N, C-alpha and C. Protein backbone atom coordinates (compact mmCIF):
# COMPACT_ATOMS: atom_id res chain seq x y z
N MET A 1 6.04 -77.38 -50.57
CA MET A 1 6.20 -76.92 -52.29
C MET A 1 4.65 -77.69 -52.82
N LYS A 2 3.75 -77.17 -53.42
CA LYS A 2 2.57 -77.38 -54.05
C LYS A 2 2.72 -77.55 -55.33
N LEU A 3 2.09 -78.40 -55.95
CA LEU A 3 2.87 -78.66 -57.79
C LEU A 3 0.87 -77.63 -57.78
N ARG A 4 0.81 -77.05 -58.55
CA ARG A 4 -0.71 -76.57 -59.11
C ARG A 4 -1.76 -76.02 -57.74
N GLY A 5 -1.46 -75.78 -56.76
CA GLY A 5 -2.31 -75.56 -55.83
C GLY A 5 -2.22 -76.66 -55.08
N ILE A 6 -1.83 -77.70 -55.06
CA ILE A 6 -2.00 -79.56 -54.56
C ILE A 6 -0.68 -79.98 -54.09
N PRO A 7 -0.60 -79.65 -52.67
CA PRO A 7 0.28 -80.25 -51.78
C PRO A 7 0.79 -80.98 -52.47
N THR A 8 2.24 -81.69 -52.36
CA THR A 8 3.16 -82.50 -52.95
C THR A 8 3.76 -83.54 -51.57
N THR A 9 3.02 -83.14 -50.57
CA THR A 9 3.22 -84.24 -49.19
C THR A 9 2.25 -83.74 -48.60
N PHE A 10 1.91 -84.56 -47.64
CA PHE A 10 0.59 -84.57 -46.26
C PHE A 10 0.56 -85.24 -45.83
N CYS A 11 0.65 -84.61 -44.26
CA CYS A 11 0.59 -84.94 -43.06
C CYS A 11 -0.84 -85.79 -42.64
N GLU A 12 -0.57 -86.79 -41.80
CA GLU A 12 -1.77 -87.59 -41.46
C GLU A 12 -2.36 -86.62 -40.02
N GLY A 13 -3.85 -86.59 -40.66
CA GLY A 13 -4.69 -86.08 -39.42
C GLY A 13 -6.22 -85.60 -39.68
N PRO A 14 -6.85 -85.54 -38.82
CA PRO A 14 -7.94 -85.24 -39.21
C PRO A 14 -9.00 -83.70 -40.26
N ILE A 15 -9.95 -83.98 -41.39
CA ILE A 15 -9.78 -82.98 -42.16
C ILE A 15 -11.33 -82.45 -41.82
N ASP A 16 -11.07 -81.09 -41.91
CA ASP A 16 -12.33 -80.33 -41.73
C ASP A 16 -13.55 -80.21 -42.72
N ASP A 17 -14.53 -80.59 -42.12
CA ASP A 17 -15.44 -80.58 -42.83
C ASP A 17 -16.29 -82.36 -43.00
N VAL A 18 -15.14 -82.96 -42.87
CA VAL A 18 -15.50 -84.58 -42.80
C VAL A 18 -16.47 -85.23 -42.13
N VAL A 19 -17.84 -85.36 -42.76
CA VAL A 19 -18.57 -86.38 -41.30
C VAL A 19 -18.30 -87.45 -41.04
N TYR A 20 -18.19 -88.75 -40.03
CA TYR A 20 -17.87 -89.60 -39.65
C TYR A 20 -19.65 -89.63 -38.48
N ARG A 21 -19.70 -91.18 -39.17
CA ARG A 21 -21.12 -91.38 -38.30
C ARG A 21 -21.49 -93.08 -37.92
N SER A 22 -21.23 -93.33 -36.67
CA SER A 22 -21.09 -94.41 -36.82
C SER A 22 -22.52 -95.25 -37.50
N LEU A 23 -22.87 -96.13 -37.83
CA LEU A 23 -24.35 -96.38 -38.61
C LEU A 23 -24.44 -98.47 -37.38
N GLU A 24 -25.67 -97.87 -36.83
CA GLU A 24 -26.23 -99.01 -36.46
C GLU A 24 -26.57 -100.14 -36.97
N ARG A 25 -26.31 -101.27 -36.58
CA ARG A 25 -27.34 -102.28 -37.29
C ARG A 25 -28.43 -103.11 -36.30
N TYR A 26 -29.47 -103.52 -36.93
CA TYR A 26 -30.81 -103.74 -35.88
C TYR A 26 -30.46 -105.05 -36.50
N ASP A 27 -30.40 -106.25 -35.12
CA ASP A 27 -30.82 -107.72 -36.00
C ASP A 27 -31.91 -107.90 -35.51
N ASP A 28 -32.98 -108.95 -35.86
CA ASP A 28 -33.55 -109.46 -35.08
C ASP A 28 -34.36 -111.15 -35.99
N SER A 29 -35.15 -111.50 -35.83
CA SER A 29 -34.98 -113.01 -36.42
C SER A 29 -35.33 -112.89 -38.02
N ARG A 30 -35.45 -111.99 -38.85
CA ARG A 30 -36.14 -111.63 -39.96
C ARG A 30 -34.59 -111.62 -40.48
N GLY A 31 -33.06 -111.12 -40.05
CA GLY A 31 -32.08 -110.81 -40.75
C GLY A 31 -32.09 -109.48 -39.89
N TRP A 32 -31.49 -108.20 -40.20
CA TRP A 32 -30.80 -107.18 -39.98
C TRP A 32 -31.60 -105.64 -40.71
N LEU A 33 -31.35 -104.53 -40.26
CA LEU A 33 -31.30 -103.04 -40.95
C LEU A 33 -30.52 -102.26 -40.77
N ILE A 34 -30.17 -101.42 -40.97
CA ILE A 34 -29.19 -100.44 -40.97
C ILE A 34 -30.05 -99.30 -41.51
N GLU A 35 -30.10 -98.41 -41.06
CA GLU A 35 -30.92 -97.21 -41.40
C GLU A 35 -29.32 -96.54 -41.95
N LEU A 36 -29.17 -96.03 -42.87
CA LEU A 36 -28.26 -94.92 -43.58
C LEU A 36 -28.17 -93.72 -43.71
N PHE A 37 -29.58 -92.82 -43.34
CA PHE A 37 -29.47 -91.36 -43.61
C PHE A 37 -30.23 -91.09 -43.01
N ARG A 38 -30.41 -90.05 -42.22
CA ARG A 38 -32.36 -89.52 -41.99
C ARG A 38 -31.50 -88.23 -42.21
N GLU A 39 -32.55 -87.51 -42.93
CA GLU A 39 -33.29 -86.13 -43.18
C GLU A 39 -32.95 -85.02 -42.44
N ASP A 40 -33.16 -85.22 -41.20
CA ASP A 40 -33.07 -84.79 -39.40
C ASP A 40 -31.91 -85.09 -39.32
N GLU A 41 -30.87 -85.41 -39.81
CA GLU A 41 -29.68 -85.96 -38.81
C GLU A 41 -28.50 -85.36 -40.11
N LEU A 42 -29.44 -84.91 -41.31
CA LEU A 42 -28.07 -84.56 -42.37
C LEU A 42 -27.76 -82.64 -42.55
N PRO A 43 -26.84 -82.13 -42.54
CA PRO A 43 -26.24 -80.84 -42.81
C PRO A 43 -27.84 -80.31 -44.67
N ALA A 44 -28.45 -79.55 -44.50
CA ALA A 44 -29.05 -79.24 -45.32
C ALA A 44 -28.36 -79.25 -46.78
N GLU A 45 -27.14 -79.00 -46.91
CA GLU A 45 -26.06 -79.16 -48.46
C GLU A 45 -25.51 -80.41 -48.55
N ASN A 46 -26.14 -81.40 -47.49
CA ASN A 46 -25.87 -82.79 -47.89
C ASN A 46 -27.06 -83.84 -48.57
N LEU A 47 -27.93 -82.80 -48.13
CA LEU A 47 -28.90 -84.12 -48.64
C LEU A 47 -28.94 -84.52 -49.79
N PRO A 48 -29.03 -85.57 -50.16
CA PRO A 48 -29.13 -86.25 -51.46
C PRO A 48 -29.67 -86.41 -52.82
N ARG A 49 -29.25 -86.36 -53.64
CA ARG A 49 -29.89 -85.91 -55.33
C ARG A 49 -30.11 -87.07 -55.94
N MET A 50 -29.63 -88.05 -55.85
CA MET A 50 -29.67 -89.34 -56.02
C MET A 50 -28.89 -90.87 -55.53
N ALA A 51 -29.10 -91.78 -55.98
CA ALA A 51 -28.18 -92.92 -54.64
C ALA A 51 -27.79 -93.72 -55.86
N TYR A 52 -26.58 -94.79 -55.44
CA TYR A 52 -26.66 -96.30 -56.11
C TYR A 52 -25.49 -96.75 -55.29
N LEU A 53 -25.45 -97.89 -55.34
CA LEU A 53 -24.62 -99.11 -54.87
C LEU A 53 -23.89 -99.42 -55.86
N CYS A 54 -22.39 -99.63 -54.98
CA CYS A 54 -21.17 -100.32 -55.82
C CYS A 54 -20.45 -101.61 -55.14
N GLU A 55 -20.26 -102.30 -56.02
CA GLU A 55 -19.18 -103.31 -55.28
C GLU A 55 -18.03 -103.76 -55.93
N THR A 56 -17.03 -103.20 -54.77
CA THR A 56 -15.22 -103.50 -55.39
C THR A 56 -14.61 -104.53 -54.92
N LEU A 57 -14.67 -104.95 -55.91
CA LEU A 57 -14.08 -106.54 -55.59
C LEU A 57 -12.81 -106.17 -55.04
N PRO A 58 -11.94 -107.64 -54.57
CA PRO A 58 -10.91 -107.71 -54.01
C PRO A 58 -9.44 -107.45 -54.50
N GLY A 59 -8.69 -106.25 -54.00
CA GLY A 59 -7.41 -105.42 -54.73
C GLY A 59 -7.97 -104.80 -55.57
N SER A 60 -9.41 -104.21 -56.03
CA SER A 60 -9.86 -103.64 -56.66
C SER A 60 -9.74 -102.05 -55.79
N ALA A 61 -10.12 -101.05 -56.74
CA ALA A 61 -9.84 -99.23 -56.31
C ALA A 61 -10.85 -98.70 -57.05
N ARG A 62 -10.81 -97.63 -56.24
CA ARG A 62 -12.13 -96.90 -56.93
C ARG A 62 -12.01 -94.81 -57.04
N GLY A 63 -10.84 -94.66 -57.48
CA GLY A 63 -10.56 -93.09 -57.25
C GLY A 63 -8.53 -93.03 -57.76
N PRO A 64 -8.07 -92.04 -57.31
CA PRO A 64 -8.57 -91.29 -56.58
C PRO A 64 -8.86 -90.02 -56.77
N HIS A 65 -10.08 -89.40 -56.70
CA HIS A 65 -10.54 -88.13 -57.33
C HIS A 65 -11.80 -87.33 -56.53
N GLU A 66 -11.35 -86.53 -56.78
CA GLU A 66 -12.46 -85.08 -56.41
C GLU A 66 -13.40 -84.21 -56.95
N HIS A 67 -14.09 -83.31 -56.36
CA HIS A 67 -15.58 -83.14 -57.09
C HIS A 67 -15.28 -81.27 -56.85
N HIS A 68 -16.02 -80.26 -57.50
CA HIS A 68 -15.93 -78.96 -57.10
C HIS A 68 -17.11 -78.91 -56.26
N GLN A 69 -18.03 -79.47 -56.96
CA GLN A 69 -19.27 -78.94 -56.01
C GLN A 69 -19.81 -80.02 -55.27
N GLN A 70 -19.49 -80.81 -55.78
CA GLN A 70 -20.36 -82.39 -55.40
C GLN A 70 -19.76 -83.04 -53.56
N SER A 71 -20.70 -82.73 -52.92
CA SER A 71 -20.31 -83.80 -51.61
C SER A 71 -20.84 -85.10 -51.63
N ASP A 72 -20.02 -86.42 -51.52
CA ASP A 72 -20.73 -87.71 -51.14
C ASP A 72 -20.61 -88.05 -50.20
N LEU A 73 -21.88 -88.27 -50.11
CA LEU A 73 -22.33 -89.38 -48.92
C LEU A 73 -22.17 -90.54 -48.46
N PHE A 74 -21.25 -91.35 -48.28
CA PHE A 74 -21.23 -92.91 -48.23
C PHE A 74 -21.99 -93.45 -46.82
N ALA A 75 -22.35 -94.67 -47.00
CA ALA A 75 -22.38 -95.27 -46.43
C ALA A 75 -21.52 -97.49 -46.79
N PHE A 76 -21.26 -97.09 -45.92
CA PHE A 76 -20.04 -98.07 -45.32
C PHE A 76 -20.44 -99.26 -44.64
N THR A 77 -21.05 -100.33 -45.33
CA THR A 77 -21.93 -101.59 -44.51
C THR A 77 -20.54 -102.83 -44.35
N GLU A 78 -21.42 -103.47 -44.73
CA GLU A 78 -21.35 -105.21 -45.63
C GLU A 78 -21.34 -105.89 -46.63
N PRO A 79 -21.13 -106.57 -46.65
CA PRO A 79 -20.23 -106.80 -46.53
C PRO A 79 -18.54 -107.19 -46.88
N GLY A 80 -17.50 -107.33 -45.90
CA GLY A 80 -16.18 -106.84 -46.59
C GLY A 80 -16.04 -105.22 -45.83
N ASP A 81 -14.49 -104.95 -46.01
CA ASP A 81 -13.79 -103.92 -45.27
C ASP A 81 -13.29 -103.23 -46.71
N LEU A 82 -13.51 -101.87 -46.55
CA LEU A 82 -12.66 -100.88 -47.56
C LEU A 82 -11.68 -99.70 -46.57
N GLU A 83 -10.47 -99.85 -47.27
CA GLU A 83 -9.27 -99.11 -46.78
C GLU A 83 -9.67 -97.66 -47.72
N LEU A 84 -10.27 -96.40 -46.73
CA LEU A 84 -10.71 -94.72 -47.42
C LEU A 84 -10.12 -94.75 -47.21
N TYR A 85 -9.22 -93.79 -47.98
CA TYR A 85 -8.01 -92.87 -48.29
C TYR A 85 -8.87 -90.98 -48.52
N LEU A 86 -8.58 -90.18 -47.69
CA LEU A 86 -9.17 -88.64 -47.72
C LEU A 86 -7.83 -88.01 -47.93
N TRP A 87 -7.60 -86.99 -48.59
CA TRP A 87 -6.56 -85.73 -49.11
C TRP A 87 -7.13 -84.49 -48.86
N ASP A 88 -7.06 -83.51 -47.97
CA ASP A 88 -7.59 -82.14 -48.37
C ASP A 88 -6.86 -81.30 -49.02
N ILE A 89 -7.14 -80.50 -50.12
CA ILE A 89 -6.54 -79.62 -51.01
C ILE A 89 -7.27 -78.97 -51.21
N ARG A 90 -8.33 -78.06 -50.14
CA ARG A 90 -8.70 -76.92 -49.77
C ARG A 90 -8.19 -76.20 -49.76
N GLU A 91 -7.59 -75.15 -50.45
CA GLU A 91 -6.73 -74.01 -50.09
C GLU A 91 -6.84 -73.11 -48.77
N ASP A 92 -8.35 -73.10 -48.93
CA ASP A 92 -8.62 -72.38 -48.00
C ASP A 92 -9.32 -72.72 -46.62
N SER A 93 -8.82 -74.15 -46.41
CA SER A 93 -9.39 -74.85 -45.22
C SER A 93 -8.09 -74.91 -44.36
N ALA A 94 -8.84 -74.89 -42.80
CA ALA A 94 -7.39 -74.54 -41.52
C ALA A 94 -6.69 -76.43 -41.77
N THR A 95 -7.06 -77.18 -42.39
CA THR A 95 -6.96 -78.72 -42.65
C THR A 95 -6.02 -79.09 -43.88
N TYR A 96 -5.97 -77.96 -44.93
CA TYR A 96 -5.10 -78.44 -46.02
C TYR A 96 -3.80 -79.10 -45.81
N GLY A 97 -3.54 -79.90 -46.61
CA GLY A 97 -2.54 -80.46 -46.82
C GLY A 97 -2.55 -82.18 -45.47
N HIS A 98 -3.96 -81.63 -45.14
CA HIS A 98 -3.99 -83.48 -43.98
C HIS A 98 -4.38 -84.51 -44.77
N CYS A 99 -4.53 -86.02 -44.53
CA CYS A 99 -4.74 -86.73 -45.47
C CYS A 99 -5.47 -88.00 -44.12
N GLN A 100 -5.55 -88.78 -44.50
CA GLN A 100 -6.27 -90.10 -43.48
C GLN A 100 -6.91 -91.16 -44.44
N GLN A 101 -6.46 -92.33 -43.57
CA GLN A 101 -6.74 -93.91 -44.32
C GLN A 101 -7.76 -94.22 -42.99
N VAL A 102 -8.89 -94.24 -43.10
CA VAL A 102 -9.64 -95.12 -42.29
C VAL A 102 -10.19 -96.30 -43.03
N THR A 103 -10.70 -97.62 -42.13
CA THR A 103 -10.70 -98.60 -42.31
C THR A 103 -12.36 -98.45 -42.41
N VAL A 104 -13.09 -99.09 -43.41
CA VAL A 104 -14.44 -98.60 -42.99
C VAL A 104 -15.24 -100.62 -43.72
N GLY A 105 -16.49 -100.47 -43.19
CA GLY A 105 -17.36 -101.43 -43.49
C GLY A 105 -17.73 -102.65 -42.75
N ASP A 106 -17.68 -103.43 -42.69
CA ASP A 106 -18.14 -104.78 -41.65
C ASP A 106 -17.64 -105.05 -40.25
N SER A 107 -16.85 -104.31 -40.40
CA SER A 107 -15.93 -104.06 -38.75
C SER A 107 -15.82 -102.53 -38.06
N ASN A 108 -16.09 -101.44 -39.38
CA ASN A 108 -16.34 -100.90 -38.71
C ASN A 108 -16.97 -99.51 -39.62
N ARG A 109 -18.64 -100.03 -39.70
CA ARG A 109 -19.88 -99.67 -39.89
C ARG A 109 -19.84 -97.94 -40.10
N GLN A 110 -19.82 -96.99 -41.30
CA GLN A 110 -20.17 -95.82 -40.82
C GLN A 110 -20.65 -94.87 -42.02
N LEU A 111 -20.68 -93.86 -41.95
CA LEU A 111 -21.72 -93.37 -42.56
C LEU A 111 -20.50 -91.83 -42.76
N VAL A 112 -19.95 -91.84 -43.95
CA VAL A 112 -18.72 -90.75 -44.63
C VAL A 112 -19.60 -89.54 -45.47
N ILE A 113 -19.61 -88.50 -45.01
CA ILE A 113 -19.98 -86.99 -46.08
C ILE A 113 -18.52 -86.65 -46.24
N VAL A 114 -18.03 -86.47 -47.51
CA VAL A 114 -16.66 -86.52 -48.37
C VAL A 114 -17.31 -85.23 -48.99
N PRO A 115 -16.77 -83.74 -48.73
CA PRO A 115 -16.92 -82.40 -48.90
C PRO A 115 -16.24 -82.08 -50.32
N PRO A 116 -16.77 -81.03 -51.06
CA PRO A 116 -16.37 -81.27 -52.48
C PRO A 116 -14.59 -80.61 -52.11
N GLY A 117 -13.69 -80.59 -53.27
CA GLY A 117 -12.47 -80.07 -53.18
C GLY A 117 -11.75 -81.43 -51.80
N VAL A 118 -12.11 -82.51 -51.63
CA VAL A 118 -11.71 -83.20 -50.78
C VAL A 118 -11.40 -84.82 -51.44
N VAL A 119 -9.47 -84.70 -51.77
CA VAL A 119 -9.56 -86.16 -53.42
C VAL A 119 -9.76 -87.35 -51.81
N HIS A 120 -10.44 -88.65 -52.80
CA HIS A 120 -10.83 -89.75 -52.18
C HIS A 120 -11.02 -90.46 -52.94
N ASP A 121 -10.53 -91.47 -52.03
CA ASP A 121 -10.39 -92.99 -53.14
C ASP A 121 -10.52 -94.31 -52.09
N PHE A 122 -11.21 -95.69 -52.35
CA PHE A 122 -10.99 -96.68 -51.43
C PHE A 122 -10.55 -97.93 -51.73
N LYS A 123 -10.13 -98.33 -51.50
CA LYS A 123 -9.58 -99.77 -51.84
C LYS A 123 -10.31 -101.16 -50.88
N ASN A 124 -10.05 -102.36 -51.69
CA ASN A 124 -10.48 -103.59 -51.06
C ASN A 124 -9.74 -104.22 -50.86
N ALA A 125 -9.26 -104.34 -49.61
CA ALA A 125 -7.45 -104.66 -49.60
C ALA A 125 -8.22 -106.62 -48.64
N GLY A 126 -9.13 -106.32 -48.98
CA GLY A 126 -9.51 -107.93 -48.00
C GLY A 126 -9.70 -109.03 -49.01
N LYS A 127 -10.31 -110.20 -49.13
CA LYS A 127 -10.14 -111.63 -49.45
C LYS A 127 -11.90 -111.49 -50.01
N VAL A 128 -12.59 -111.35 -49.30
CA VAL A 128 -14.28 -110.65 -50.27
C VAL A 128 -14.99 -109.30 -50.70
N SER A 129 -15.62 -109.61 -51.92
CA SER A 129 -16.48 -108.48 -51.70
C SER A 129 -17.15 -107.19 -50.88
N ALA A 130 -16.11 -105.97 -51.21
CA ALA A 130 -17.11 -105.00 -49.88
C ALA A 130 -18.13 -103.89 -51.24
N TRP A 131 -18.92 -103.33 -49.87
CA TRP A 131 -19.88 -102.82 -50.51
C TRP A 131 -20.26 -100.97 -50.49
N ALA A 132 -20.19 -100.08 -51.27
CA ALA A 132 -20.04 -98.97 -50.42
C ALA A 132 -21.92 -98.29 -51.48
N PHE A 133 -21.69 -97.39 -50.60
CA PHE A 133 -23.44 -97.18 -50.93
C PHE A 133 -23.26 -95.71 -51.16
N ASN A 134 -23.65 -94.95 -51.97
CA ASN A 134 -23.48 -93.11 -52.55
C ASN A 134 -24.31 -92.80 -52.44
N ALA A 135 -24.79 -91.42 -51.69
CA ALA A 135 -26.29 -90.76 -52.24
C ALA A 135 -25.06 -89.63 -52.32
N PRO A 136 -24.68 -88.97 -53.19
CA PRO A 136 -24.26 -87.42 -53.35
C PRO A 136 -25.30 -86.31 -53.08
N ASN A 137 -25.09 -85.11 -52.93
CA ASN A 137 -25.91 -84.20 -52.90
C ASN A 137 -25.51 -83.77 -54.78
N VAL A 138 -25.46 -83.72 -55.48
CA VAL A 138 -25.38 -83.76 -56.81
C VAL A 138 -25.91 -84.69 -57.83
N LEU A 139 -26.75 -84.41 -59.21
CA LEU A 139 -26.91 -85.40 -60.12
C LEU A 139 -25.78 -85.58 -61.05
N TYR A 140 -25.19 -87.05 -61.26
CA TYR A 140 -24.24 -87.43 -62.44
C TYR A 140 -24.52 -87.16 -62.86
N ALA A 141 -23.66 -86.36 -63.94
CA ALA A 141 -23.84 -85.55 -64.81
C ALA A 141 -24.88 -84.50 -65.27
N GLY A 142 -25.32 -84.00 -64.11
CA GLY A 142 -26.72 -83.17 -64.40
C GLY A 142 -28.27 -83.29 -65.04
N GLU A 143 -29.53 -82.78 -64.72
CA GLU A 143 -30.71 -83.10 -64.81
C GLU A 143 -30.33 -83.40 -66.57
N GLY A 144 -31.19 -84.79 -66.36
CA GLY A 144 -30.92 -85.30 -67.80
C GLY A 144 -29.88 -86.42 -67.97
N LYS A 145 -28.84 -85.89 -67.31
CA LYS A 145 -27.75 -85.88 -67.71
C LYS A 145 -26.82 -85.87 -68.82
N GLN A 146 -27.37 -83.93 -68.86
CA GLN A 146 -27.05 -83.27 -70.15
C GLN A 146 -25.81 -82.20 -69.41
N SER A 147 -25.28 -82.28 -68.09
CA SER A 147 -23.93 -81.73 -68.49
C SER A 147 -23.07 -81.94 -67.69
N GLU A 148 -22.01 -80.94 -67.87
CA GLU A 148 -20.44 -82.15 -67.45
C GLU A 148 -20.70 -82.59 -66.24
N VAL A 149 -19.69 -83.99 -66.10
CA VAL A 149 -19.56 -84.81 -64.68
C VAL A 149 -18.82 -83.71 -64.17
N ASP A 150 -18.56 -83.23 -62.70
CA ASP A 150 -18.22 -82.94 -61.50
C ASP A 150 -16.84 -83.26 -60.95
N GLU A 151 -16.27 -84.01 -61.60
CA GLU A 151 -15.14 -85.47 -61.35
C GLU A 151 -13.46 -85.06 -61.62
N ILE A 152 -12.88 -84.85 -61.52
CA ILE A 152 -11.78 -84.68 -61.22
C ILE A 152 -10.70 -86.15 -61.03
N ARG A 153 -10.10 -86.66 -61.95
CA ARG A 153 -9.58 -87.79 -61.53
C ARG A 153 -8.35 -87.95 -61.83
N HIS A 154 -7.59 -88.77 -60.60
CA HIS A 154 -6.26 -88.38 -60.93
C HIS A 154 -5.59 -89.71 -61.14
N GLU A 155 -6.39 -91.17 -60.83
CA GLU A 155 -5.57 -92.21 -60.82
C GLU A 155 -5.00 -92.88 -61.63
N GLU A 156 -4.87 -91.99 -63.23
CA GLU A 156 -4.14 -92.28 -64.04
C GLU A 156 -3.12 -91.55 -64.41
N ASN A 157 -2.62 -90.73 -63.51
CA ASN A 157 -1.58 -89.78 -63.27
C ASN A 157 -0.68 -90.77 -61.91
N LEU A 158 0.19 -91.43 -62.93
CA LEU A 158 1.75 -92.14 -61.98
C LEU A 158 2.14 -91.05 -61.01
N ASN A 159 2.67 -89.95 -61.49
CA ASN A 159 2.86 -88.80 -59.80
C ASN A 159 2.32 -88.19 -59.19
N SER A 160 0.93 -88.47 -58.97
CA SER A 160 0.43 -88.26 -58.18
C SER A 160 0.26 -88.14 -56.95
N PRO A 161 0.23 -87.16 -56.13
CA PRO A 161 1.09 -87.66 -54.62
C PRO A 161 -0.39 -88.14 -53.76
N PHE A 162 -1.57 -88.26 -54.83
CA PHE A 162 -2.48 -89.06 -54.16
C PHE A 162 -2.62 -90.84 -53.96
N GLN A 163 -1.54 -91.23 -53.37
CA GLN A 163 -0.53 -92.85 -53.37
C GLN A 163 -2.06 -93.51 -52.06
N MET A 164 -2.39 -94.79 -52.69
CA MET A 164 -2.91 -95.86 -51.02
C MET A 164 -1.46 -96.55 -50.73
N ASP A 165 -1.39 -96.62 -49.60
CA ASP A 165 -0.34 -98.13 -49.57
C ASP A 165 -0.23 -99.10 -50.32
């Protein structure tokens, strides 16, 4: 059964076009370095147009939301861990109706590319703040912040099928 093109139930499983890549931490006497991304390792359609860093406090969540055109290139490092939730609502996708939950951050440093049409959310279920770096391939609100924002928010819909545990 579907609600306006969105499945009402999801099955756990991989989601096509979501990219995961482990992030290596290099320690030396000065501290550490984590290479977040390299242009030569990314598909051209995912090259960033902007970047930001956000802190998510314990017990807080960001999402669920989706984009029509934007891919998000997240780097989850440290401090703290986040529970990343993904739901594939792309009707033309072989993994339509799939969902995933992955712990990312301090215990599992990951680069994750979330393509358009994949609803995503992350929640800090830990006791310390967690950081997420995002370098999307679309400018927020377009050139000069003069365009409509490419974001469909679901968090205020109490009947949304996009629920976190």
